[in-house]
Amino acid sequence: MAEVKSAPCQVRSKTGNPCPRRAEVEILGVAFCGACAREQEAYFAIAELADEEAQDFRSEALAEALERMRRVRAGSTDLSLDADTVVLA
């Protein structure tokens, strides 16, 4: 990820409800604020898990990732659910 200065977050930029925050990082050429970047990284991780799941038919790791994402969106402060501390099988 590259650091970005003084650019707006590009999430929903061409909609009536764009992200109002300033970009902090650039991922694949797109400027994201910190919150949107974390969410995008979660989507990338889920896509990778889904691809792995399709190959070996294990769904527990994908279910755990989806549950963590749901809790993040709900504003959970339970640090045990942090993506850096959970080990996926």
N, C-alpha and C. Protein backbone atom coordinates (compact mmCIF):
# COMPACT_ATOMS: atom_id res chain seq x y z
N MET A 1 0.84 -1.18 0.00
CA MET A 1 0.00 0.00 0.00
C MET A 1 0.87 1.24 0.00
N ALA A 2 0.54 2.16 -0.82
CA ALA A 2 1.26 3.43 -0.89
C ALA A 2 0.53 4.48 -0.07
N GLU A 3 1.29 5.37 0.52
CA GLU A 3 0.70 6.45 1.30
C GLU A 3 0.20 7.54 0.36
N VAL A 4 -0.95 8.13 0.68
CA VAL A 4 -1.56 9.17 -0.15
C VAL A 4 -1.74 10.42 0.71
N LYS A 5 -1.48 11.58 0.13
CA LYS A 5 -1.63 12.82 0.88
C LYS A 5 -2.65 13.73 0.20
N SER A 6 -3.56 14.28 0.98
CA SER A 6 -4.52 15.30 0.54
C SER A 6 -5.49 14.87 -0.54
N ALA A 7 -5.73 13.62 -0.72
CA ALA A 7 -6.71 13.16 -1.69
C ALA A 7 -7.95 12.69 -0.93
N PRO A 8 -9.12 12.84 -1.52
CA PRO A 8 -10.32 12.32 -0.87
C PRO A 8 -10.39 10.80 -1.01
N CYS A 9 -11.03 10.14 -0.04
CA CYS A 9 -11.29 8.70 -0.16
C CYS A 9 -12.19 8.51 -1.38
N GLN A 10 -11.91 7.51 -2.19
CA GLN A 10 -12.66 7.32 -3.44
C GLN A 10 -13.83 6.35 -3.31
N VAL A 11 -14.10 5.86 -2.08
CA VAL A 11 -15.21 4.94 -1.89
C VAL A 11 -16.52 5.67 -2.15
N ARG A 12 -17.32 5.12 -3.01
CA ARG A 12 -18.62 5.70 -3.42
C ARG A 12 -18.47 7.12 -3.97
N SER A 13 -17.31 7.46 -4.54
CA SER A 13 -17.04 8.82 -4.99
C SER A 13 -17.98 9.30 -6.10
N LYS A 14 -18.52 8.40 -6.86
CA LYS A 14 -19.42 8.81 -7.96
C LYS A 14 -20.87 8.55 -7.61
N THR A 15 -21.18 8.60 -6.31
CA THR A 15 -22.55 8.39 -5.85
C THR A 15 -23.01 9.62 -5.08
N GLY A 16 -24.23 9.60 -4.63
CA GLY A 16 -24.76 10.69 -3.81
C GLY A 16 -24.33 10.60 -2.37
N ASN A 17 -23.60 9.52 -2.01
CA ASN A 17 -23.18 9.31 -0.63
C ASN A 17 -21.69 8.92 -0.57
N PRO A 18 -20.78 9.79 -1.02
CA PRO A 18 -19.35 9.44 -1.00
C PRO A 18 -18.79 9.43 0.43
N CYS A 19 -17.71 8.71 0.62
CA CYS A 19 -17.03 8.72 1.92
C CYS A 19 -16.46 10.12 2.12
N PRO A 20 -16.72 10.74 3.28
CA PRO A 20 -16.28 12.12 3.51
C PRO A 20 -14.84 12.27 3.99
N ARG A 21 -14.16 11.14 4.27
CA ARG A 21 -12.83 11.22 4.87
C ARG A 21 -11.73 11.41 3.82
N ARG A 22 -10.56 11.84 4.30
CA ARG A 22 -9.38 12.01 3.46
C ARG A 22 -8.69 10.66 3.31
N ALA A 23 -8.11 10.43 2.15
CA ALA A 23 -7.40 9.18 1.89
C ALA A 23 -6.11 9.12 2.69
N GLU A 24 -5.79 7.91 3.11
CA GLU A 24 -4.55 7.66 3.84
C GLU A 24 -3.63 6.73 3.06
N VAL A 25 -4.22 5.85 2.26
CA VAL A 25 -3.44 4.86 1.52
C VAL A 25 -4.02 4.68 0.12
N GLU A 26 -3.22 4.08 -0.74
CA GLU A 26 -3.66 3.73 -2.08
C GLU A 26 -3.51 2.23 -2.25
N ILE A 27 -4.57 1.58 -2.68
CA ILE A 27 -4.55 0.14 -2.93
C ILE A 27 -4.95 -0.08 -4.39
N LEU A 28 -4.06 -0.68 -5.14
CA LEU A 28 -4.30 -0.95 -6.57
C LEU A 28 -4.75 0.31 -7.30
N GLY A 29 -4.13 1.44 -6.97
CA GLY A 29 -4.41 2.69 -7.66
C GLY A 29 -5.62 3.46 -7.17
N VAL A 30 -6.28 2.97 -6.11
CA VAL A 30 -7.48 3.62 -5.58
C VAL A 30 -7.17 4.18 -4.20
N ALA A 31 -7.53 5.45 -3.97
CA ALA A 31 -7.27 6.11 -2.68
C ALA A 31 -8.36 5.75 -1.68
N PHE A 32 -7.93 5.31 -0.47
CA PHE A 32 -8.85 4.92 0.60
C PHE A 32 -8.49 5.62 1.89
N CYS A 33 -9.51 5.97 2.70
CA CYS A 33 -9.24 6.40 4.08
C CYS A 33 -8.91 5.13 4.86
N GLY A 34 -8.48 5.26 6.09
CA GLY A 34 -8.10 4.09 6.88
C GLY A 34 -9.23 3.09 7.07
N ALA A 35 -10.42 3.59 7.41
CA ALA A 35 -11.56 2.70 7.65
C ALA A 35 -11.96 1.94 6.39
N CYS A 36 -12.04 2.64 5.28
CA CYS A 36 -12.42 1.99 4.02
C CYS A 36 -11.33 1.01 3.55
N ALA A 37 -10.06 1.34 3.81
CA ALA A 37 -8.96 0.44 3.44
C ALA A 37 -9.04 -0.86 4.22
N ARG A 38 -9.33 -0.77 5.52
CA ARG A 38 -9.47 -1.99 6.33
C ARG A 38 -10.62 -2.84 5.83
N GLU A 39 -11.73 -2.20 5.48
CA GLU A 39 -12.88 -2.94 4.96
C GLU A 39 -12.54 -3.60 3.63
N GLN A 40 -11.83 -2.87 2.77
CA GLN A 40 -11.44 -3.43 1.47
C GLN A 40 -10.50 -4.62 1.66
N GLU A 41 -9.57 -4.52 2.60
CA GLU A 41 -8.67 -5.63 2.87
C GLU A 41 -9.44 -6.85 3.36
N ALA A 42 -10.50 -6.61 4.16
CA ALA A 42 -11.34 -7.72 4.62
C ALA A 42 -12.02 -8.39 3.43
N TYR A 43 -12.51 -7.60 2.47
CA TYR A 43 -13.12 -8.18 1.28
C TYR A 43 -12.11 -9.00 0.48
N PHE A 44 -10.87 -8.50 0.35
CA PHE A 44 -9.83 -9.25 -0.35
C PHE A 44 -9.57 -10.58 0.36
N ALA A 45 -9.49 -10.54 1.69
CA ALA A 45 -9.23 -11.76 2.47
C ALA A 45 -10.37 -12.76 2.29
N ILE A 46 -11.59 -12.27 2.31
CA ILE A 46 -12.74 -13.17 2.13
C ILE A 46 -12.72 -13.77 0.73
N ALA A 47 -12.38 -12.98 -0.27
CA ALA A 47 -12.31 -13.51 -1.64
C ALA A 47 -11.25 -14.60 -1.73
N GLU A 48 -10.10 -14.39 -1.08
CA GLU A 48 -9.05 -15.42 -1.09
C GLU A 48 -9.53 -16.68 -0.39
N LEU A 49 -10.20 -16.51 0.76
CA LEU A 49 -10.72 -17.67 1.48
C LEU A 49 -11.77 -18.40 0.66
N ALA A 50 -12.64 -17.64 0.01
CA ALA A 50 -13.69 -18.26 -0.81
C ALA A 50 -13.07 -19.07 -1.94
N ASP A 51 -11.99 -18.55 -2.52
CA ASP A 51 -11.30 -19.28 -3.58
C ASP A 51 -10.70 -20.57 -3.04
N GLU A 52 -10.07 -20.48 -1.86
CA GLU A 52 -9.51 -21.67 -1.23
C GLU A 52 -10.61 -22.66 -0.87
N GLU A 53 -11.73 -22.14 -0.35
CA GLU A 53 -12.84 -23.00 0.05
C GLU A 53 -13.39 -23.76 -1.16
N ALA A 54 -13.44 -23.10 -2.30
CA ALA A 54 -13.95 -23.75 -3.50
C ALA A 54 -13.05 -24.91 -3.91
N GLN A 55 -11.77 -24.80 -3.58
CA GLN A 55 -10.83 -25.85 -3.96
C GLN A 55 -10.82 -27.03 -3.00
N ASP A 56 -10.99 -26.75 -1.68
CA ASP A 56 -10.88 -27.87 -0.74
C ASP A 56 -12.14 -28.09 0.10
N PHE A 57 -13.22 -27.38 -0.19
CA PHE A 57 -14.53 -27.58 0.41
C PHE A 57 -14.58 -27.41 1.94
N ARG A 58 -13.64 -26.69 2.54
CA ARG A 58 -13.71 -26.38 3.97
C ARG A 58 -14.35 -25.01 4.11
N SER A 59 -15.35 -24.88 4.96
CA SER A 59 -16.05 -23.60 5.07
C SER A 59 -15.86 -22.92 6.42
N GLU A 60 -15.22 -23.54 7.39
CA GLU A 60 -15.07 -22.96 8.72
C GLU A 60 -14.27 -21.66 8.69
N ALA A 61 -13.16 -21.61 7.96
CA ALA A 61 -12.34 -20.39 7.91
C ALA A 61 -13.12 -19.24 7.28
N LEU A 62 -13.88 -19.52 6.23
CA LEU A 62 -14.68 -18.49 5.59
C LEU A 62 -15.77 -17.99 6.55
N ALA A 63 -16.42 -18.89 7.25
CA ALA A 63 -17.46 -18.50 8.21
C ALA A 63 -16.88 -17.62 9.31
N GLU A 64 -15.68 -17.94 9.79
CA GLU A 64 -15.03 -17.13 10.83
C GLU A 64 -14.72 -15.74 10.29
N ALA A 65 -14.22 -15.64 9.07
CA ALA A 65 -13.90 -14.34 8.49
C ALA A 65 -15.15 -13.50 8.30
N LEU A 66 -16.22 -14.12 7.85
CA LEU A 66 -17.48 -13.39 7.67
C LEU A 66 -18.03 -12.90 9.02
N GLU A 67 -17.91 -13.72 10.05
CA GLU A 67 -18.38 -13.32 11.38
C GLU A 67 -17.55 -12.14 11.91
N ARG A 68 -16.23 -12.17 11.71
CA ARG A 68 -15.38 -11.05 12.14
C ARG A 68 -15.79 -9.77 11.41
N MET A 69 -16.05 -9.88 10.11
CA MET A 69 -16.44 -8.71 9.34
C MET A 69 -17.77 -8.16 9.84
N ARG A 70 -18.72 -9.05 10.15
CA ARG A 70 -20.01 -8.62 10.67
C ARG A 70 -19.83 -7.87 11.98
N ARG A 71 -18.98 -8.39 12.85
CA ARG A 71 -18.75 -7.73 14.14
C ARG A 71 -18.06 -6.38 13.98
N VAL A 72 -17.13 -6.28 13.04
CA VAL A 72 -16.45 -5.00 12.79
C VAL A 72 -17.47 -3.97 12.33
N ARG A 73 -18.35 -4.37 11.43
CA ARG A 73 -19.38 -3.45 10.94
C ARG A 73 -20.34 -3.05 12.05
N ALA A 74 -20.55 -3.94 13.02
CA ALA A 74 -21.46 -3.65 14.13
C ALA A 74 -20.76 -2.84 15.22
N GLY A 75 -19.44 -2.63 15.09
CA GLY A 75 -18.71 -1.81 16.05
C GLY A 75 -18.23 -2.56 17.27
N SER A 76 -18.04 -3.85 17.17
CA SER A 76 -17.55 -4.64 18.30
C SER A 76 -16.16 -4.18 18.71
N THR A 77 -15.92 -4.15 20.01
CA THR A 77 -14.60 -3.78 20.52
C THR A 77 -13.87 -5.00 21.08
N ASP A 78 -14.38 -6.19 20.80
CA ASP A 78 -13.75 -7.42 21.28
C ASP A 78 -12.47 -7.66 20.50
N LEU A 79 -11.31 -7.41 21.14
CA LEU A 79 -10.03 -7.51 20.46
C LEU A 79 -9.69 -8.93 20.03
N SER A 80 -10.35 -9.92 20.63
CA SER A 80 -10.06 -11.30 20.23
C SER A 80 -10.55 -11.57 18.81
N LEU A 81 -11.37 -10.67 18.27
CA LEU A 81 -11.87 -10.86 16.92
C LEU A 81 -11.03 -10.14 15.88
N ASP A 82 -9.96 -9.48 16.32
CA ASP A 82 -9.09 -8.74 15.41
C ASP A 82 -8.46 -9.70 14.41
N ALA A 83 -8.41 -9.28 13.16
CA ALA A 83 -7.89 -10.16 12.09
C ALA A 83 -6.44 -10.56 12.34
N ASP A 84 -5.67 -9.73 13.06
CA ASP A 84 -4.27 -10.05 13.32
C ASP A 84 -4.10 -11.10 14.41
N THR A 85 -5.14 -11.32 15.22
CA THR A 85 -4.99 -12.25 16.34
C THR A 85 -5.71 -13.57 16.12
N VAL A 86 -6.55 -13.67 15.11
CA VAL A 86 -7.28 -14.90 14.85
C VAL A 86 -6.49 -15.74 13.86
N VAL A 87 -6.29 -17.00 14.19
CA VAL A 87 -5.57 -17.91 13.31
C VAL A 87 -6.60 -18.73 12.55
N LEU A 88 -6.54 -18.66 11.24
CA LEU A 88 -7.48 -19.42 10.41
C LEU A 88 -6.89 -20.78 10.09
N ALA A 89 -7.74 -21.78 10.11
CA ALA A 89 -7.30 -23.16 9.81
C ALA A 89 -7.10 -23.36 8.34
